[in-house]
Amino acid sequence: TRMLLRSPPIAPFLKPVPIGREHLACALRNMDQQYAFVGVTERYEASICVLRELLRIPKKYVKDMRNDKATTGSTKRPLPPEMAQVYAPYVALDNELHAYAHMRLDQDLAQSDSCSEAFGSHDHDIGELERFRKILSL
């Protein structure tokens, strides 16, 4: 969320800057107004398909789109409880931003004949769409 706010970089692990719903709204607006394309790493192949169409790159010029290099080999360890408690609000806001990115990708997939055939698109609950509209209006 902080990256899409365009706030000055700081060492967030030293002293997190408080951010709230109004910052999420700003990040969502920036995503809508400043980015023609929003991809989702977990949906790499679908994201590349949409980007390829957006840039009008013929399919023959795009190599195999499988993301077989996605694993880093690192071991996930849980955050210490005191750190998890400090970062919980940030994680919640980032999860909202991530959900919105999924919705943006789904909208792009729905508008693409070849990509929607290959990857499908997800219908979103009207309540979820309304929730994001309310956040965007902050």
Foldseek 3Di string as FASTA:
>chain_A
DVVLLPDDDDDCVVPNDDDDLLSLLSSVVSCVPPDPAFDDPVPQLLRVVLVCVVVVPDPVPDPDRDDPVPDPPDDDDDDPPVVCVVCVRVVVSVVLVNVVSLVRSLVSLVVDDVSCVVPNHDDDDPVSVVVSVVSNVD
